[in-house]
Amino acid sequence: MFHWLRDHHRAEARKRQFPSEWEAFLRANVSHYCVLNEAERAELCAMIQVFVEEKHWEGCGGLDLTDEIRVTIAAQACLLQLGLPHDYYRNVESILIYPSTVVPPTHRAGVFERVDGPVATSVPILGQAFVRGPVILVWDTVLRGARHPEQGHNVVYHEFAHKLDMLDGAADGTPLLADRDQFADWVAVCSHEFLRLRGLAEKGHKTFLDTYGATNEAEFFAVATEEFFDRPIALQKHAPDLYRVLSAYYRQDTAGRANRTCLVKE
């Protein structure tokens, strides 16, 4: 009965007319919305309506939580699942948003912290994702990443990639994959690219992927996801096999999409 009611509410939410002011937020804040085709935009908007309604949203640190904040975050989280069979991130119940970089209370450091340096306790964070807890985001960083994909850093993609990774019960940089062949291909390619990144980082060489991805396999997947959506043409050039396995997993050709003409913002 619970699942029937949930699915009924989701179907009703998806059928509602998407508010014009929400679309204005997408056009102003989410660069990737411009390059989606009509069918993709329609599906993304339907997903956003469910996501905004189902999740518990909380403004922290004095942040005045608005629809603009909810919609901007929801759009980026849902974009990751646009081509995937999904359940609207069943492992995400709450999303906590701070206005700017936050220093959390001292706690045991986890592998799912997005920080400006090595993971440590009581350091400034841009976002966090917990296996059995909320996603924490910083609004000014969220907005900057959404508006400027050319920078290759997007905290929403990063933290929600962690949540996709966690869906199989293991935070190991390998999300749920379709079959054994895809799994074998994923392990071979990602292991190679992770070790290559780690080796270059240890030698102090310049790398295309953020060296934060060399921390562990989970961070590698999250960092690679940022590049797959934000700078896909460059990723395809620098690491074609990595682009290929990410495209197969997400079921999206982000490099092809990046060549589309962006709609004029109103």
C-alpha atoms as a PDB file:
ATOM      1  CA  MET A   1       0.000   0.000   0.000  1.00  0.00           C
ATOM      2  CA  PHE A   2       2.821   2.400   0.871  1.00  0.00           C
ATOM      3  CA  HIS A   3       4.498   1.894  -2.504  1.00  0.00           C
ATOM      4  CA  TRP A   4       1.193   2.349  -4.338  1.00  0.00           C
ATOM      5  CA  LEU A   5       0.572   5.662  -2.565  1.00  0.00           C
ATOM      6  CA  ARG A   6       4.125   6.800  -3.191  1.00  0.00           C
ATOM      7  CA  ASP A   7       3.943   5.967  -6.879  1.00  0.00           C
ATOM      8  CA  HIS A   8       0.550   7.669  -7.137  1.00  0.00           C
ATOM      9  CA  HIS A   9       1.886  10.866  -5.566  1.00  0.00           C
ATOM     10  CA  ARG A  10       4.911  10.767  -7.849  1.00  0.00           C
ATOM     11  CA  ALA A  11       2.735  10.372 -10.931  1.00  0.00           C
ATOM     12  CA  GLU A  12       0.615  13.327  -9.838  1.00  0.00           C
ATOM     13  CA  ALA A  13       3.682  15.475  -9.194  1.00  0.00           C
ATOM     14  CA  ARG A  14       5.126  14.618 -12.588  1.00  0.00           C
ATOM     15  CA  LYS A  15       1.905  15.633 -14.349  1.00  0.00           C
ATOM     16  CA  ARG A  16       1.709  19.070 -12.751  1.00  0.00           C
ATOM     17  CA  GLN A  17       2.612  22.042 -14.897  1.00  0.00           C
ATOM     18  CA  PHE A  18       6.181  23.071 -14.252  1.00  0.00           C
ATOM     19  CA  PRO A  19       6.138  26.553 -12.687  1.00  0.00           C
ATOM     20  CA  SER A  20       7.398  29.251 -15.029  1.00  0.00           C
ATOM     21  CA  GLU A  21       9.472  30.798 -12.247  1.00  0.00           C
ATOM     22  CA  TRP A  22      11.176  27.441 -11.704  1.00  0.00           C
ATOM     23  CA  GLU A  23      12.141  27.268 -15.366  1.00  0.00           C
ATOM     24  CA  ALA A  24      13.523  30.793 -15.050  1.00  0.00           C
ATOM     25  CA  PHE A  25      15.744  29.548 -12.221  1.00  0.00           C
ATOM     26  CA  LEU A  26      16.991  26.717 -14.437  1.00  0.00           C
ATOM     27  CA  ARG A  27      17.778  29.022 -17.339  1.00  0.00           C
ATOM     28  CA  ALA A  28      19.560  31.499 -15.091  1.00  0.00           C
ATOM     29  CA  ASN A  29      21.455  29.057 -12.875  1.00  0.00           C
ATOM     30  CA  VAL A  30      21.872  25.654 -14.543  1.00  0.00           C
ATOM     31  CA  SER A  31      23.961  25.909 -17.706  1.00  0.00           C
ATOM     32  CA  HIS A  32      23.360  22.290 -18.672  1.00  0.00           C
ATOM     33  CA  TYR A  33      19.601  22.843 -18.879  1.00  0.00           C
ATOM     34  CA  CYS A  34      20.184  24.929 -22.010  1.00  0.00           C
ATOM     35  CA  VAL A  35      21.726  22.081 -23.998  1.00  0.00           C
ATOM     36  CA  LEU A  36      19.122  19.423 -23.241  1.00  0.00           C
ATOM     37  CA  ASN A  37      16.710  18.611 -26.025  1.00  0.00           C
ATOM     38  CA  GLU A  38      12.968  19.063 -25.554  1.00  0.00           C
ATOM     39  CA  ALA A  39      12.328  15.508 -24.349  1.00  0.00           C
ATOM     40  CA  GLU A  40      15.242  15.639 -21.918  1.00  0.00           C
ATOM     41  CA  ARG A  41      14.081  18.959 -20.472  1.00  0.00           C
ATOM     42  CA  ALA A  42      10.557  17.636 -20.023  1.00  0.00           C
ATOM     43  CA  GLU A  43      11.800  14.544 -18.184  1.00  0.00           C
ATOM     44  CA  LEU A  44      14.207  16.547 -16.038  1.00  0.00           C
ATOM     45  CA  CYS A  45      11.440  18.959 -15.017  1.00  0.00           C
ATOM     46  CA  ALA A  46       9.164  16.051 -14.090  1.00  0.00           C
ATOM     47  CA  MET A  47      11.934  14.531 -11.985  1.00  0.00           C
ATOM     48  CA  ILE A  48      12.616  17.857 -10.287  1.00  0.00           C
ATOM     49  CA  GLN A  49       9.004  18.166  -9.160  1.00  0.00           C
ATOM     50  CA  VAL A  50       9.139  14.773  -7.447  1.00  0.00           C
ATOM     51  CA  PHE A  51      12.587  15.366  -5.974  1.00  0.00           C
ATOM     52  CA  VAL A  52      11.716  18.769  -4.510  1.00  0.00           C
ATOM     53  CA  GLU A  53       8.507  17.416  -2.979  1.00  0.00           C
ATOM     54  CA  GLU A  54       9.909  14.189  -1.516  1.00  0.00           C
ATOM     55  CA  LYS A  55      13.138  15.344   0.076  1.00  0.00           C
ATOM     56  CA  HIS A  56      13.439  17.133   3.396  1.00  0.00           C
ATOM     57  CA  TRP A  57      15.171  20.456   2.810  1.00  0.00           C
ATOM     58  CA  GLU A  58      16.745  22.494   5.570  1.00  0.00           C
ATOM     59  CA  GLY A  59      18.508  25.837   5.464  1.00  0.00           C
ATOM     60  CA  CYS A  60      21.365  26.005   7.963  1.00  0.00           C
ATOM     61  CA  GLY A  61      23.660  28.720   9.241  1.00  0.00           C
ATOM     62  CA  GLY A  62      21.047  31.411   8.736  1.00  0.00           C
ATOM     63  CA  LEU A  63      20.282  30.505   5.120  1.00  0.00           C
ATOM     64  CA  ASP A  64      16.802  31.529   3.943  1.00  0.00           C
ATOM     65  CA  LEU A  65      15.742  28.444   2.001  1.00  0.00           C
ATOM     66  CA  THR A  66      13.977  29.355  -1.257  1.00  0.00           C
ATOM     67  CA  ASP A  67      12.529  27.606  -4.288  1.00  0.00           C
ATOM     68  CA  GLU A  68      15.504  28.848  -6.300  1.00  0.00           C
ATOM     69  CA  ILE A  69      17.863  26.921  -4.035  1.00  0.00           C
ATOM     70  CA  ARG A  70      15.746  23.753  -4.076  1.00  0.00           C
ATOM     71  CA  VAL A  71      15.242  23.766  -7.841  1.00  0.00           C
ATOM     72  CA  THR A  72      18.862  24.559  -8.673  1.00  0.00           C
ATOM     73  CA  ILE A  73      20.101  21.677  -6.512  1.00  0.00           C
ATOM     74  CA  ALA A  74      17.365  19.267  -7.613  1.00  0.00           C
ATOM     75  CA  ALA A  75      18.096  19.894 -11.300  1.00  0.00           C
ATOM     76  CA  GLN A  76      21.754  18.976 -10.948  1.00  0.00           C
ATOM     77  CA  ALA A  77      21.075  15.909  -8.808  1.00  0.00           C
ATOM     78  CA  CYS A  78      18.395  14.677 -11.206  1.00  0.00           C
ATOM     79  CA  LEU A  79      20.567  15.293 -14.272  1.00  0.00           C
ATOM     80  CA  LEU A  80      22.855  12.489 -13.100  1.00  0.00           C
ATOM     81  CA  GLN A  81      19.903  10.087 -13.148  1.00  0.00           C
ATOM     82  CA  LEU A  82      18.347  11.368 -16.370  1.00  0.00           C
ATOM     83  CA  GLY A  83      19.293   8.260 -18.332  1.00  0.00           C
ATOM     84  CA  LEU A  84      19.251   5.775 -15.467  1.00  0.00           C
ATOM     85  CA  PRO A  85      16.506   3.565 -14.055  1.00  0.00           C
ATOM     86  CA  HIS A  86      16.154   5.115 -10.628  1.00  0.00           C
ATOM     87  CA  ASP A  87      14.111   5.655  -7.497  1.00  0.00           C
ATOM     88  CA  TYR A  88      14.861   9.355  -6.980  1.00  0.00           C
ATOM     89  CA  TYR A  89      17.872   8.633  -4.762  1.00  0.00           C
ATOM     90  CA  ARG A  90      16.129   6.388  -2.273  1.00  0.00           C
ATOM     91  CA  ASN A  91      19.182   6.729  -0.006  1.00  0.00           C
ATOM     92  CA  VAL A  92      18.758  10.510   0.269  1.00  0.00           C
ATOM     93  CA  GLU A  93      16.145  11.725   2.732  1.00  0.00           C
ATOM     94  CA  SER A  94      17.486  15.115   3.778  1.00  0.00           C
ATOM     95  CA  ILE A  95      19.490  17.867   2.113  1.00  0.00           C
ATOM     96  CA  LEU A  96      21.069  20.482   4.372  1.00  0.00           C
ATOM     97  CA  ILE A  97      22.274  23.721   2.788  1.00  0.00           C
ATOM     98  CA  TYR A  98      24.608  26.316   4.277  1.00  0.00           C
ATOM     99  CA  PRO A  99      25.079  29.787   2.765  1.00  0.00           C
ATOM    100  CA  SER A 100      28.878  29.507   2.439  1.00  0.00           C
ATOM    101  CA  THR A 101      31.812  27.316   3.427  1.00  0.00           C
ATOM    102  CA  VAL A 102      31.143  25.710   6.781  1.00  0.00           C
ATOM    103  CA  VAL A 103      33.404  24.269   9.461  1.00  0.00           C
ATOM    104  CA  PRO A 104      31.589  21.310  11.042  1.00  0.00           C
ATOM    105  CA  PRO A 105      32.038  20.130  14.634  1.00  0.00           C
ATOM    106  CA  THR A 106      34.906  17.706  15.197  1.00  0.00           C
ATOM    107  CA  HIS A 107      33.928  14.197  14.121  1.00  0.00           C
ATOM    108  CA  ARG A 108      35.507  11.049  12.754  1.00  0.00           C
ATOM    109  CA  ALA A 109      36.627  11.850   9.214  1.00  0.00           C
ATOM    110  CA  GLY A 110      34.899   9.915   6.456  1.00  0.00           C
ATOM    111  CA  VAL A 111      35.866   9.260   2.859  1.00  0.00           C
ATOM    112  CA  PHE A 112      32.889  11.221   1.557  1.00  0.00           C
ATOM    113  CA  GLU A 113      34.009  14.701   2.536  1.00  0.00           C
ATOM    114  CA  ARG A 114      34.593  17.235  -0.195  1.00  0.00           C
ATOM    115  CA  VAL A 115      37.291  19.538   1.162  1.00  0.00           C
ATOM    116  CA  ASP A 116      39.924  21.910  -0.147  1.00  0.00           C
ATOM    117  CA  GLY A 117      42.751  19.705   1.114  1.00  0.00           C
ATOM    118  CA  PRO A 118      43.320  16.303   2.695  1.00  0.00           C
ATOM    119  CA  VAL A 119      40.380  14.941   4.653  1.00  0.00           C
ATOM    120  CA  ALA A 120      40.647  15.951   8.303  1.00  0.00           C
ATOM    121  CA  THR A 121      38.499  16.908  11.250  1.00  0.00           C
ATOM    122  CA  SER A 122      37.091  20.403  11.745  1.00  0.00           C
ATOM    123  CA  VAL A 123      38.142  21.777   8.357  1.00  0.00           C
ATOM    124  CA  PRO A 124      36.103  23.895   5.924  1.00  0.00           C
ATOM    125  CA  ILE A 125      33.920  21.783   3.669  1.00  0.00           C
ATOM    126  CA  LEU A 126      32.024  22.434   0.454  1.00  0.00           C
ATOM    127  CA  GLY A 127      29.822  19.358   0.737  1.00  0.00           C
ATOM    128  CA  GLN A 128      29.395  15.980   2.384  1.00  0.00           C
ATOM    129  CA  ALA A 129      27.466  12.806   1.689  1.00  0.00           C
ATOM    130  CA  PHE A 130      26.861  10.200   4.391  1.00  0.00           C
ATOM    131  CA  VAL A 131      26.004   6.541   3.885  1.00  0.00           C
ATOM    132  CA  ARG A 132      23.091   6.709   6.329  1.00  0.00           C
ATOM    133  CA  GLY A 133      22.622  10.430   6.556  1.00  0.00           C
ATOM    134  CA  PRO A 134      21.976  13.643   4.689  1.00  0.00           C
ATOM    135  CA  VAL A 135      23.707  15.397   1.862  1.00  0.00           C
ATOM    136  CA  ILE A 136      25.259  18.675   3.006  1.00  0.00           C
ATOM    137  CA  LEU A 137      25.888  21.437   0.462  1.00  0.00           C
ATOM    138  CA  VAL A 138      27.163  25.005   0.433  1.00  0.00           C
ATOM    139  CA  TRP A 139      24.914  27.294  -1.604  1.00  0.00           C
ATOM    140  CA  ASP A 140      27.452  29.773  -2.988  1.00  0.00           C
ATOM    141  CA  THR A 141      29.571  26.848  -4.202  1.00  0.00           C
ATOM    142  CA  VAL A 142      26.511  25.103  -5.652  1.00  0.00           C
ATOM    143  CA  LEU A 143      25.547  28.215  -7.610  1.00  0.00           C
ATOM    144  CA  ARG A 144      29.052  28.870  -8.891  1.00  0.00           C
ATOM    145  CA  GLY A 145      29.418  25.304 -10.145  1.00  0.00           C
ATOM    146  CA  ALA A 146      25.994  25.285 -11.789  1.00  0.00           C
ATOM    147  CA  ARG A 147      26.653  28.527 -13.656  1.00  0.00           C
ATOM    148  CA  HIS A 148      30.269  27.823 -14.622  1.00  0.00           C
ATOM    149  CA  PRO A 149      30.731  24.236 -15.827  1.00  0.00           C
ATOM    150  CA  GLU A 150      33.921  25.253 -17.634  1.00  0.00           C
ATOM    151  CA  GLN A 151      35.650  25.237 -14.238  1.00  0.00           C
ATOM    152  CA  GLY A 152      35.085  21.490 -13.889  1.00  0.00           C
ATOM    153  CA  HIS A 153      34.003  21.613 -10.240  1.00  0.00           C
ATOM    154  CA  ASN A 154      30.445  20.858  -9.201  1.00  0.00           C
ATOM    155  CA  VAL A 155      29.715  19.974  -5.590  1.00  0.00           C
ATOM    156  CA  VAL A 156      26.199  18.657  -6.337  1.00  0.00           C
ATOM    157  CA  TYR A 157      27.478  16.208  -8.965  1.00  0.00           C
ATOM    158  CA  HIS A 158      30.272  15.191  -6.626  1.00  0.00           C
ATOM    159  CA  GLU A 159      28.141  14.456  -3.566  1.00  0.00           C
ATOM    160  CA  PHE A 160      25.293  12.808  -5.459  1.00  0.00           C
ATOM    161  CA  ALA A 161      27.786  10.642  -7.341  1.00  0.00           C
ATOM    162  CA  HIS A 162      28.794   9.387  -3.895  1.00  0.00           C
ATOM    163  CA  LYS A 163      25.139   8.582  -3.217  1.00  0.00           C
ATOM    164  CA  LEU A 164      24.931   6.643  -6.486  1.00  0.00           C
ATOM    165  CA  ASP A 165      28.079   4.773  -5.466  1.00  0.00           C
ATOM    166  CA  MET A 166      26.501   3.917  -2.100  1.00  0.00           C
ATOM    167  CA  LEU A 167      23.368   2.360  -3.605  1.00  0.00           C
ATOM    168  CA  ASP A 168      25.036  -1.057  -3.879  1.00  0.00           C
ATOM    169  CA  GLY A 169      26.053  -0.956  -0.224  1.00  0.00           C
ATOM    170  CA  ALA A 170      29.748  -0.389  -0.880  1.00  0.00           C
ATOM    171  CA  ALA A 171      31.499   2.968  -1.126  1.00  0.00           C
ATOM    172  CA  ASP A 172      34.136   1.742  -3.547  1.00  0.00           C
ATOM    173  CA  GLY A 173      33.826   3.923  -6.618  1.00  0.00           C
ATOM    174  CA  THR A 174      31.806   1.309  -8.500  1.00  0.00           C
ATOM    175  CA  PRO A 175      28.060   2.051  -8.738  1.00  0.00           C
ATOM    176  CA  LEU A 176      25.366  -0.408  -9.712  1.00  0.00           C
ATOM    177  CA  LEU A 177      26.178  -1.666 -13.216  1.00  0.00           C
ATOM    178  CA  ALA A 178      24.067  -3.489 -15.766  1.00  0.00           C
ATOM    179  CA  ASP A 179      25.915  -6.807 -16.051  1.00  0.00           C
ATOM    180  CA  ARG A 180      29.215  -8.638 -15.594  1.00  0.00           C
ATOM    181  CA  ASP A 181      30.644  -7.411 -18.880  1.00  0.00           C
ATOM    182  CA  GLN A 182      30.020  -3.784 -17.943  1.00  0.00           C
ATOM    183  CA  PHE A 183      31.470  -4.442 -14.494  1.00  0.00           C
ATOM    184  CA  ALA A 184      34.648  -5.966 -15.931  1.00  0.00           C
ATOM    185  CA  ASP A 185      35.081  -3.082 -18.353  1.00  0.00           C
ATOM    186  CA  TRP A 186      34.471  -0.559 -15.575  1.00  0.00           C
ATOM    187  CA  VAL A 187      37.014  -2.124 -13.218  1.00  0.00           C
ATOM    188  CA  ALA A 188      39.696  -2.381 -15.900  1.00  0.00           C
ATOM    189  CA  VAL A 189      39.319   1.198 -17.136  1.00  0.00           C
ATOM    190  CA  CYS A 190      38.728   2.940 -13.812  1.00  0.00           C
ATOM    191  CA  SER A 191      41.521   1.062 -12.040  1.00  0.00           C
ATOM    192  CA  HIS A 192      43.945   2.051 -14.780  1.00  0.00           C
ATOM    193  CA  GLU A 193      42.894   5.706 -14.758  1.00  0.00           C
ATOM    194  CA  PHE A 194      42.843   5.907 -10.955  1.00  0.00           C
ATOM    195  CA  LEU A 195      46.373   4.524 -10.664  1.00  0.00           C
ATOM    196  CA  ARG A 196      47.533   6.808 -13.462  1.00  0.00           C
ATOM    197  CA  LEU A 197      46.090   9.838 -11.662  1.00  0.00           C
ATOM    198  CA  ARG A 198      47.623   8.761  -8.356  1.00  0.00           C
ATOM    199  CA  GLY A 199      51.023   8.259  -9.953  1.00  0.00           C
ATOM    200  CA  LEU A 200      50.979  11.669 -11.619  1.00  0.00           C
ATOM    201  CA  ALA A 201      49.764  13.345  -8.423  1.00  0.00           C
ATOM    202  CA  GLU A 202      52.510  11.736  -6.339  1.00  0.00           C
ATOM    203  CA  LYS A 203      55.112  13.048  -8.773  1.00  0.00           C
ATOM    204  CA  GLY A 204      53.594  16.539  -8.714  1.00  0.00           C
ATOM    205  CA  HIS A 205      52.709  16.479 -12.400  1.00  0.00           C
ATOM    206  CA  LYS A 206      49.873  18.487 -13.872  1.00  0.00           C
ATOM    207  CA  THR A 207      46.721  16.402 -14.349  1.00  0.00           C
ATOM    208  CA  PHE A 208      43.421  16.903 -16.147  1.00  0.00           C
ATOM    209  CA  LEU A 209      41.358  15.296 -13.390  1.00  0.00           C
ATOM    210  CA  ASP A 210      41.472  17.019 -10.010  1.00  0.00           C
ATOM    211  CA  THR A 211      44.103  15.260  -7.902  1.00  0.00           C
ATOM    212  CA  TYR A 212      41.501  14.988  -5.132  1.00  0.00           C
ATOM    213  CA  GLY A 213      40.301  12.021  -7.169  1.00  0.00           C
ATOM    214  CA  ALA A 214      43.540  10.223  -6.253  1.00  0.00           C
ATOM    215  CA  THR A 215      42.423  10.048  -2.603  1.00  0.00           C
ATOM    216  CA  ASN A 216      40.586   6.753  -3.132  1.00  0.00           C
ATOM    217  CA  GLU A 217      38.357   5.009  -5.665  1.00  0.00           C
ATOM    218  CA  ALA A 218      35.172   6.616  -4.326  1.00  0.00           C
ATOM    219  CA  GLU A 219      36.577  10.117  -4.757  1.00  0.00           C
ATOM    220  CA  PHE A 220      37.884   9.169  -8.194  1.00  0.00           C
ATOM    221  CA  PHE A 221      34.365   8.276  -9.361  1.00  0.00           C
ATOM    222  CA  ALA A 222      32.952  11.515  -7.936  1.00  0.00           C
ATOM    223  CA  VAL A 223      35.651  13.690  -9.523  1.00  0.00           C
ATOM    224  CA  ALA A 224      35.334  11.864 -12.856  1.00  0.00           C
ATOM    225  CA  THR A 225      31.570  12.442 -12.740  1.00  0.00           C
ATOM    226  CA  GLU A 226      32.140  16.187 -12.352  1.00  0.00           C
ATOM    227  CA  GLU A 227      34.285  16.206 -15.493  1.00  0.00           C
ATOM    228  CA  PHE A 228      31.928  13.920 -17.420  1.00  0.00           C
ATOM    229  CA  PHE A 229      29.111  16.419 -17.048  1.00  0.00           C
ATOM    230  CA  ASP A 230      31.046  19.692 -16.929  1.00  0.00           C
ATOM    231  CA  ARG A 231      33.912  19.216 -19.395  1.00  0.00           C
ATOM    232  CA  PRO A 232      32.996  16.108 -21.376  1.00  0.00           C
ATOM    233  CA  ILE A 233      34.765  17.007 -24.619  1.00  0.00           C
ATOM    234  CA  ALA A 234      38.041  17.531 -22.780  1.00  0.00           C
ATOM    235  CA  LEU A 235      37.531  14.317 -20.779  1.00  0.00           C
ATOM    236  CA  GLN A 236      36.886  12.413 -23.983  1.00  0.00           C
ATOM    237  CA  LYS A 237      40.169  13.778 -25.374  1.00  0.00           C
ATOM    238  CA  HIS A 238      42.303  13.149 -22.273  1.00  0.00           C
ATOM    239  CA  ALA A 239      40.790   9.816 -21.188  1.00  0.00           C
ATOM    240  CA  PRO A 240      38.594   8.347 -23.951  1.00  0.00           C
ATOM    241  CA  ASP A 241      38.086   4.987 -22.252  1.00  0.00           C
ATOM    242  CA  LEU A 242      37.054   6.663 -19.002  1.00  0.00           C
ATOM    243  CA  TYR A 243      34.578   8.808 -20.921  1.00  0.00           C
ATOM    244  CA  ARG A 244      33.250   5.669 -22.624  1.00  0.00           C
ATOM    245  CA  VAL A 245      32.548   3.723 -19.414  1.00  0.00           C
ATOM    246  CA  LEU A 246      30.970   6.757 -17.742  1.00  0.00           C
ATOM    247  CA  SER A 247      28.784   7.313 -20.805  1.00  0.00           C
ATOM    248  CA  ALA A 248      27.728   3.664 -20.730  1.00  0.00           C
ATOM    249  CA  TYR A 249      26.919   3.881 -17.009  1.00  0.00           C
ATOM    250  CA  TYR A 250      25.024   7.183 -17.061  1.00  0.00           C
ATOM    251  CA  ARG A 251      23.467   6.366 -20.454  1.00  0.00           C
ATOM    252  CA  GLN A 252      24.180   9.883 -21.636  1.00  0.00           C
ATOM    253  CA  ASP A 253      26.454  11.271 -24.349  1.00  0.00           C
ATOM    254  CA  THR A 254      27.457  14.481 -22.624  1.00  0.00           C
ATOM    255  CA  ALA A 255      30.162  15.275 -25.182  1.00  0.00           C
ATOM    256  CA  GLY A 256      27.622  15.129 -27.994  1.00  0.00           C
ATOM    257  CA  ARG A 257      25.243  17.238 -25.960  1.00  0.00           C
ATOM    258  CA  ALA A 258      27.924  19.840 -25.292  1.00  0.00           C
ATOM    259  CA  ASN A 259      28.074  20.610 -28.999  1.00  0.00           C
ATOM    260  CA  ARG A 260      24.443  21.675 -29.118  1.00  0.00           C
ATOM    261  CA  THR A 261      23.674  25.360 -29.379  1.00  0.00           C
ATOM    262  CA  CYS A 262      22.670  26.781 -26.014  1.00  0.00           C
ATOM    263  CA  LEU A 263      19.262  28.447 -25.934  1.00  0.00           C
ATOM    264  CA  VAL A 264      19.266  32.182 -25.291  1.00  0.00           C
ATOM    265  CA  LYS A 265      18.503  32.877 -21.661  1.00  0.00           C
ATOM    266  CA  GLU A 266      15.439  34.962 -21.111  1.00  0.00           C
END
